[in-house]
Amino acid sequence: MKHILILLMMVIIISCNNDTPEKLQNLIQQKLLERKTIFLQNKYDDCKRSLMSRVQLEVDSTLSFGSKYLKFDSITVPHDTNRPLKPEISFPQFNKPERPKSDSIIIK
């Protein structure tokens, strides 16, 4: 067991000394690229989330305004519609009842 530990320590020490500046530079560049990618992805996600929030707010206000406009539009008659003329109707046999002269109702 003692010999295996010593051998393992020697392998570790030799492997650590094998690092060349090119290998280190490549590892540094890889780590930098990974961190840049993660950073840019996080920024992109934050920007997209913020943009979607603003778009959702704008859509909600537009839909709210549109529904109110449609509600009022269905109640009122638009000004640009052509209304038919009032027809002249007469009933020759109809006699209009006479109203009493006073303002109060007479109960008999």
Protein backbone atom coordinates (compact mmCIF):
# COMPACT_ATOMS: atom_id res chain seq x y z
CA MET A 1 0.00 0.00 0.00
CA LYS A 2 2.85 2.34 0.85
CA HIS A 3 4.49 1.73 -2.54
CA ILE A 4 1.26 2.47 -4.39
CA LEU A 5 0.89 5.78 -2.60
CA ILE A 6 4.46 6.76 -3.42
CA LEU A 7 3.96 5.76 -7.05
CA LEU A 8 0.73 7.73 -7.23
CA MET A 9 2.41 10.81 -5.77
CA MET A 10 5.19 10.57 -8.33
CA VAL A 11 2.71 10.31 -11.20
CA ILE A 12 0.86 13.38 -9.93
CA ILE A 13 4.05 15.39 -9.56
CA ILE A 14 5.26 14.39 -13.03
CA SER A 15 1.92 15.24 -14.61
CA CYS A 16 1.92 18.65 -12.96
CA ASN A 17 5.35 19.43 -14.31
CA ASN A 18 4.29 18.45 -17.82
CA ASP A 19 2.20 21.62 -18.27
CA THR A 20 3.55 23.73 -21.08
CA PRO A 21 2.64 27.39 -21.59
CA GLU A 22 0.66 26.45 -24.71
CA LYS A 23 -1.50 24.02 -22.76
CA LEU A 24 -2.09 26.59 -20.06
CA GLN A 25 -2.95 29.22 -22.62
CA ASN A 26 -5.41 26.87 -24.32
CA LEU A 27 -7.06 26.02 -21.00
CA ILE A 28 -7.29 29.70 -20.12
CA GLN A 29 -8.87 30.50 -23.48
CA GLN A 30 -11.37 27.64 -23.10
CA LYS A 31 -12.39 28.81 -19.62
CA LEU A 32 -12.65 32.39 -20.83
CA LEU A 33 -14.82 31.33 -23.76
CA GLU A 34 -17.09 29.30 -21.48
CA ARG A 35 -17.50 32.19 -19.06
CA LYS A 36 -18.15 34.65 -21.89
CA THR A 37 -20.77 32.34 -23.34
CA ILE A 38 -22.50 31.94 -19.98
CA PHE A 39 -22.33 35.69 -19.30
CA LEU A 40 -23.73 36.61 -22.73
CA GLN A 41 -26.46 33.98 -22.46
CA ASN A 42 -27.52 35.36 -19.06
CA LYS A 43 -27.57 38.91 -20.43
CA TYR A 44 -29.58 37.76 -23.45
CA ASP A 45 -32.09 35.96 -21.22
CA ASP A 46 -32.47 39.03 -18.96
CA CYS A 47 -32.95 41.31 -21.96
CA LYS A 48 -35.49 38.95 -23.53
CA ARG A 49 -37.41 38.65 -20.24
CA SER A 50 -37.50 42.44 -19.86
CA LEU A 51 -38.60 42.93 -23.45
CA MET A 52 -41.36 40.33 -23.13
CA SER A 53 -42.55 42.02 -19.95
CA ARG A 54 -42.81 45.39 -21.69
CA VAL A 55 -44.53 43.84 -24.71
CA GLN A 56 -47.03 42.05 -22.46
CA LEU A 57 -47.82 45.32 -20.68
CA GLU A 58 -48.35 47.10 -24.01
CA VAL A 59 -50.57 44.30 -25.33
CA ASP A 60 -52.65 44.27 -22.16
CA SER A 61 -53.24 48.02 -22.32
CA THR A 62 -54.09 47.83 -26.04
CA LEU A 63 -56.56 45.02 -25.47
CA SER A 64 -58.11 46.86 -22.54
CA PHE A 65 -58.53 50.01 -24.62
CA GLY A 66 -59.87 48.00 -27.56
CA SER A 67 -62.45 46.19 -25.47
CA LYS A 68 -63.67 49.47 -23.98
CA TYR A 69 -63.85 51.01 -27.44
CA LEU A 70 -65.85 48.07 -28.80
CA LYS A 71 -68.18 48.18 -25.81
CA PHE A 72 -68.94 51.86 -26.33
CA ASP A 73 -69.10 51.43 -30.10
CA SER A 74 -71.78 48.77 -29.79
CA ILE A 75 -73.86 51.04 -27.54
CA THR A 76 -73.71 54.20 -29.62
CA VAL A 77 -74.61 54.68 -33.25
CA PRO A 78 -71.66 55.78 -35.35
CA HIS A 79 -71.91 59.27 -36.80
CA ASP A 80 -71.08 58.25 -40.32
CA THR A 81 -74.04 55.90 -40.81
CA ASN A 82 -76.95 56.91 -43.00
CA ARG A 83 -80.19 56.83 -41.09
CA PRO A 84 -83.45 56.35 -42.94
CA LEU A 85 -85.86 59.25 -43.14
CA LYS A 86 -88.83 59.19 -40.79
CA PRO A 87 -91.89 58.05 -42.77
CA GLU A 88 -95.10 60.06 -42.79
CA ILE A 89 -97.80 57.88 -41.24
CA SER A 90 -101.35 59.08 -40.67
CA PHE A 91 -104.30 57.33 -39.09
CA PRO A 92 -107.47 59.09 -40.33
CA GLN A 93 -109.85 57.29 -37.97
CA PHE A 94 -107.83 57.97 -34.84
CA ASN A 95 -109.05 60.74 -32.56
CA LYS A 96 -106.54 61.96 -30.09
CA PRO A 97 -107.91 61.88 -26.52
CA GLU A 98 -108.38 65.17 -24.76
CA ARG A 99 -106.29 65.93 -21.76
CA PRO A 100 -107.76 67.54 -18.70
CA LYS A 101 -106.95 71.20 -18.22
CA SER A 102 -105.44 70.78 -14.77
CA ASP A 103 -102.13 69.14 -13.98
CA SER A 104 -103.51 66.70 -11.43
CA ILE A 105 -105.19 63.39 -12.08
CA ILE A 106 -108.88 63.25 -11.30
CA ILE A 107 -110.00 60.05 -9.61
CA LYS A 108 -113.78 59.37 -9.62
